């Protein structure tokens, strides 16, 4: 196999979330290289082409991030609106506690989704 073909294979496999050790093993089998040489090659390709690897891994992370942000926004807004209209969601007899919890959990979902999206977006600019 040609050097560039092996590098492209490494990017594809790492983009599929395969463990590096599995990719190293596959490179050893395909090229006949010893483990240290294949491992060094895989780690070098992973570093040099990290944007390409990140781009292949992105769709799932982006879907989860957007889903969490939208779900958190809906939960927080609906909980706040029900409280503002006087509808109380009681938890263990405490009025409006469910409303407050809904807003809090919604904010946590928004923050988690936004942080995940931001971290993924940053990898494209490093």
C-alpha atoms as a PDB file:
ATOM      1  CA  UNK A   1       0.000   0.000   0.000  1.00  0.00           C
ATOM      2  CA  UNK A   2       1.105   3.506  -0.728  1.00  0.00           C
ATOM      3  CA  UNK A   3       1.942   5.816   2.184  1.00  0.00           C
ATOM      4  CA  UNK A   4      -0.895   8.244   1.349  1.00  0.00           C
ATOM      5  CA  UNK A   5      -3.432   5.415   1.066  1.00  0.00           C
ATOM      6  CA  UNK A   6      -2.460   4.175   4.515  1.00  0.00           C
ATOM      7  CA  UNK A   7      -2.792   7.691   5.928  1.00  0.00           C
ATOM      8  CA  UNK A   8      -6.250   8.040   4.383  1.00  0.00           C
ATOM      9  CA  UNK A   9      -7.227   4.670   5.846  1.00  0.00           C
ATOM     10  CA  UNK A  10      -6.113   5.859   9.300  1.00  0.00           C
ATOM     11  CA  UNK A  11      -8.200   9.046   8.988  1.00  0.00           C
ATOM     12  CA  UNK A  12     -11.261   7.057   7.909  1.00  0.00           C
ATOM     13  CA  UNK A  13     -10.956   4.549  10.737  1.00  0.00           C
ATOM     14  CA  UNK A  14     -10.330   7.162  13.423  1.00  0.00           C
ATOM     15  CA  UNK A  15     -13.269   9.103  12.000  1.00  0.00           C
ATOM     16  CA  UNK A  16     -15.416   6.038  12.731  1.00  0.00           C
ATOM     17  CA  UNK A  17     -14.409   6.268  16.415  1.00  0.00           C
ATOM     18  CA  UNK A  18     -12.238   3.133  16.222  1.00  0.00           C
ATOM     19  CA  UNK A  19      -9.645   2.720  18.941  1.00  0.00           C
ATOM     20  CA  UNK A  20      -6.145   3.722  17.955  1.00  0.00           C
ATOM     21  CA  UNK A  21      -4.750   0.363  18.996  1.00  0.00           C
ATOM     22  CA  UNK A  22      -7.148  -1.364  16.591  1.00  0.00           C
ATOM     23  CA  UNK A  23      -6.080   0.965  13.796  1.00  0.00           C
ATOM     24  CA  UNK A  24      -2.409   0.328  14.596  1.00  0.00           C
ATOM     25  CA  UNK A  25      -3.039  -3.432  14.414  1.00  0.00           C
ATOM     26  CA  UNK A  26      -4.743  -3.063  11.046  1.00  0.00           C
ATOM     27  CA  UNK A  27      -1.875  -0.932   9.723  1.00  0.00           C
ATOM     28  CA  UNK A  28       0.580  -3.608  10.895  1.00  0.00           C
ATOM     29  CA  UNK A  29      -1.387  -6.292   9.063  1.00  0.00           C
ATOM     30  CA  UNK A  30      -1.747  -4.284   5.852  1.00  0.00           C
ATOM     31  CA  UNK A  31       1.818  -3.024   5.626  1.00  0.00           C
ATOM     32  CA  UNK A  32       3.903  -5.603   7.456  1.00  0.00           C
ATOM     33  CA  UNK A  33       5.339  -2.872   9.687  1.00  0.00           C
ATOM     34  CA  UNK A  34       6.303  -3.633  13.270  1.00  0.00           C
ATOM     35  CA  UNK A  35       4.089  -2.268  16.070  1.00  0.00           C
ATOM     36  CA  UNK A  36       6.248   0.762  17.085  1.00  0.00           C
ATOM     37  CA  UNK A  37       6.529   2.002  13.500  1.00  0.00           C
ATOM     38  CA  UNK A  38       2.795   1.568  12.837  1.00  0.00           C
ATOM     39  CA  UNK A  39       1.896   3.176  16.166  1.00  0.00           C
ATOM     40  CA  UNK A  40       4.121   6.178  15.477  1.00  0.00           C
ATOM     41  CA  UNK A  41       2.587   6.508  12.013  1.00  0.00           C
ATOM     42  CA  UNK A  42      -1.001   6.326  13.300  1.00  0.00           C
ATOM     43  CA  UNK A  43      -0.365   8.883  16.042  1.00  0.00           C
ATOM     44  CA  UNK A  44       1.406  11.189  13.599  1.00  0.00           C
ATOM     45  CA  UNK A  45      -1.445  10.987  11.077  1.00  0.00           C
ATOM     46  CA  UNK A  46      -4.003  11.506  13.875  1.00  0.00           C
ATOM     47  CA  UNK A  47      -2.184  14.668  14.949  1.00  0.00           C
ATOM     48  CA  UNK A  48      -1.403  16.085  11.513  1.00  0.00           C
ATOM     49  CA  UNK A  49      -4.896  15.425  10.146  1.00  0.00           C
ATOM     50  CA  UNK A  50      -6.897  16.056  13.306  1.00  0.00           C
ATOM     51  CA  UNK A  51      -9.248  18.410  11.444  1.00  0.00           C
ATOM     52  CA  UNK A  52     -10.132  15.704   8.939  1.00  0.00           C
ATOM     53  CA  UNK A  53     -10.679  13.168  11.730  1.00  0.00           C
ATOM     54  CA  UNK A  54     -12.809  15.671  13.668  1.00  0.00           C
ATOM     55  CA  UNK A  55     -14.855  16.424  10.563  1.00  0.00           C
ATOM     56  CA  UNK A  56     -15.654  12.725  10.164  1.00  0.00           C
ATOM     57  CA  UNK A  57     -16.653  12.432  13.822  1.00  0.00           C
ATOM     58  CA  UNK A  58     -18.696  15.642  13.893  1.00  0.00           C
ATOM     59  CA  UNK A  59     -22.160  14.688  12.628  1.00  0.00           C
ATOM     60  CA  UNK A  60     -23.124  12.653  15.683  1.00  0.00           C
ATOM     61  CA  UNK A  61     -21.744  15.196  18.141  1.00  0.00           C
ATOM     62  CA  UNK A  62     -23.465  18.050  16.338  1.00  0.00           C
ATOM     63  CA  UNK A  63     -26.804  16.214  16.298  1.00  0.00           C
ATOM     64  CA  UNK A  64     -26.597  15.550  20.049  1.00  0.00           C
ATOM     65  CA  UNK A  65     -25.488  19.097  20.803  1.00  0.00           C
ATOM     66  CA  UNK A  66     -28.295  20.705  18.822  1.00  0.00           C
ATOM     67  CA  UNK A  67     -30.836  18.272  20.289  1.00  0.00           C
ATOM     68  CA  UNK A  68     -29.756  19.088  23.855  1.00  0.00           C
ATOM     69  CA  UNK A  69     -29.855  22.842  23.225  1.00  0.00           C
ATOM     70  CA  UNK A  70     -33.326  22.715  21.648  1.00  0.00           C
ATOM     71  CA  UNK A  71     -34.672  20.264  24.244  1.00  0.00           C
ATOM     72  CA  UNK A  72     -33.282  22.346  27.091  1.00  0.00           C
ATOM     73  CA  UNK A  73     -34.723  25.510  25.608  1.00  0.00           C
ATOM     74  CA  UNK A  74     -38.151  23.920  25.266  1.00  0.00           C
ATOM     75  CA  UNK A  75     -38.064  22.470  28.786  1.00  0.00           C
ATOM     76  CA  UNK A  76     -36.957  25.744  30.366  1.00  0.00           C
ATOM     77  CA  UNK A  77     -39.475  27.834  28.416  1.00  0.00           C
ATOM     78  CA  UNK A  78     -42.408  25.516  29.047  1.00  0.00           C
ATOM     79  CA  UNK A  79     -41.583  25.259  32.746  1.00  0.00           C
ATOM     80  CA  UNK A  80     -41.291  29.031  33.044  1.00  0.00           C
ATOM     81  CA  UNK A  81     -44.487  29.657  31.066  1.00  0.00           C
ATOM     82  CA  UNK A  82     -46.499  27.238  33.163  1.00  0.00           C
ATOM     83  CA  UNK A  83     -45.268  28.972  36.318  1.00  0.00           C
ATOM     84  CA  UNK A  84     -46.063  32.427  34.919  1.00  0.00           C
ATOM     85  CA  UNK A  85     -49.590  31.368  34.001  1.00  0.00           C
ATOM     86  CA  UNK A  86     -50.133  30.100  37.520  1.00  0.00           C
ATOM     87  CA  UNK A  87     -49.905  26.390  36.781  1.00  0.00           C
ATOM     88  CA  UNK A  88     -47.944  24.791  39.593  1.00  0.00           C
ATOM     89  CA  UNK A  89     -46.041  21.566  39.196  1.00  0.00           C
ATOM     90  CA  UNK A  90     -45.838  20.341  42.782  1.00  0.00           C
ATOM     91  CA  UNK A  91     -43.049  18.028  43.879  1.00  0.00           C
ATOM     92  CA  UNK A  92     -43.558  16.339  47.238  1.00  0.00           C
ATOM     93  CA  UNK A  93     -46.102  18.970  48.187  1.00  0.00           C
ATOM     94  CA  UNK A  94     -43.874  21.960  47.436  1.00  0.00           C
ATOM     95  CA  UNK A  95     -45.674  24.334  45.060  1.00  0.00           C
ATOM     96  CA  UNK A  96     -43.821  25.339  41.879  1.00  0.00           C
ATOM     97  CA  UNK A  97     -40.810  23.151  42.726  1.00  0.00           C
ATOM     98  CA  UNK A  98     -41.330  21.157  39.530  1.00  0.00           C
ATOM     99  CA  UNK A  99     -41.400  24.380  37.543  1.00  0.00           C
ATOM    100  CA  UNK A 100     -38.111  25.515  39.072  1.00  0.00           C
ATOM    101  CA  UNK A 101     -36.546  22.110  38.495  1.00  0.00           C
ATOM    102  CA  UNK A 102     -37.688  22.145  34.862  1.00  0.00           C
ATOM    103  CA  UNK A 103     -36.082  25.530  34.286  1.00  0.00           C
ATOM    104  CA  UNK A 104     -32.884  24.392  36.018  1.00  0.00           C
ATOM    105  CA  UNK A 105     -32.601  21.141  34.091  1.00  0.00           C
ATOM    106  CA  UNK A 106     -33.364  23.018  30.874  1.00  0.00           C
ATOM    107  CA  UNK A 107     -30.522  25.448  31.560  1.00  0.00           C
ATOM    108  CA  UNK A 108     -28.149  22.554  32.259  1.00  0.00           C
ATOM    109  CA  UNK A 109     -29.154  20.896  28.971  1.00  0.00           C
ATOM    110  CA  UNK A 110     -28.622  24.143  27.067  1.00  0.00           C
ATOM    111  CA  UNK A 111     -25.205  24.639  28.671  1.00  0.00           C
ATOM    112  CA  UNK A 112     -24.099  21.054  28.043  1.00  0.00           C
ATOM    113  CA  UNK A 113     -25.200  21.104  24.419  1.00  0.00           C
ATOM    114  CA  UNK A 114     -23.601  24.493  23.800  1.00  0.00           C
ATOM    115  CA  UNK A 115     -20.305  23.434  25.404  1.00  0.00           C
ATOM    116  CA  UNK A 116     -20.209  20.253  23.320  1.00  0.00           C
ATOM    117  CA  UNK A 117     -20.916  22.174  20.126  1.00  0.00           C
ATOM    118  CA  UNK A 118     -18.311  24.808  20.977  1.00  0.00           C
ATOM    119  CA  UNK A 119     -15.634  22.187  21.640  1.00  0.00           C
ATOM    120  CA  UNK A 120     -16.371  20.482  18.338  1.00  0.00           C
ATOM    121  CA  UNK A 121     -16.367  23.758  16.425  1.00  0.00           C
ATOM    122  CA  UNK A 122     -13.026  24.734  18.002  1.00  0.00           C
ATOM    123  CA  UNK A 123     -11.359  21.629  16.571  1.00  0.00           C
ATOM    124  CA  UNK A 124     -11.959  22.966  13.067  1.00  0.00           C
ATOM    125  CA  UNK A 125      -9.938  26.110  13.801  1.00  0.00           C
ATOM    126  CA  UNK A 126      -6.975  24.583  15.654  1.00  0.00           C
END
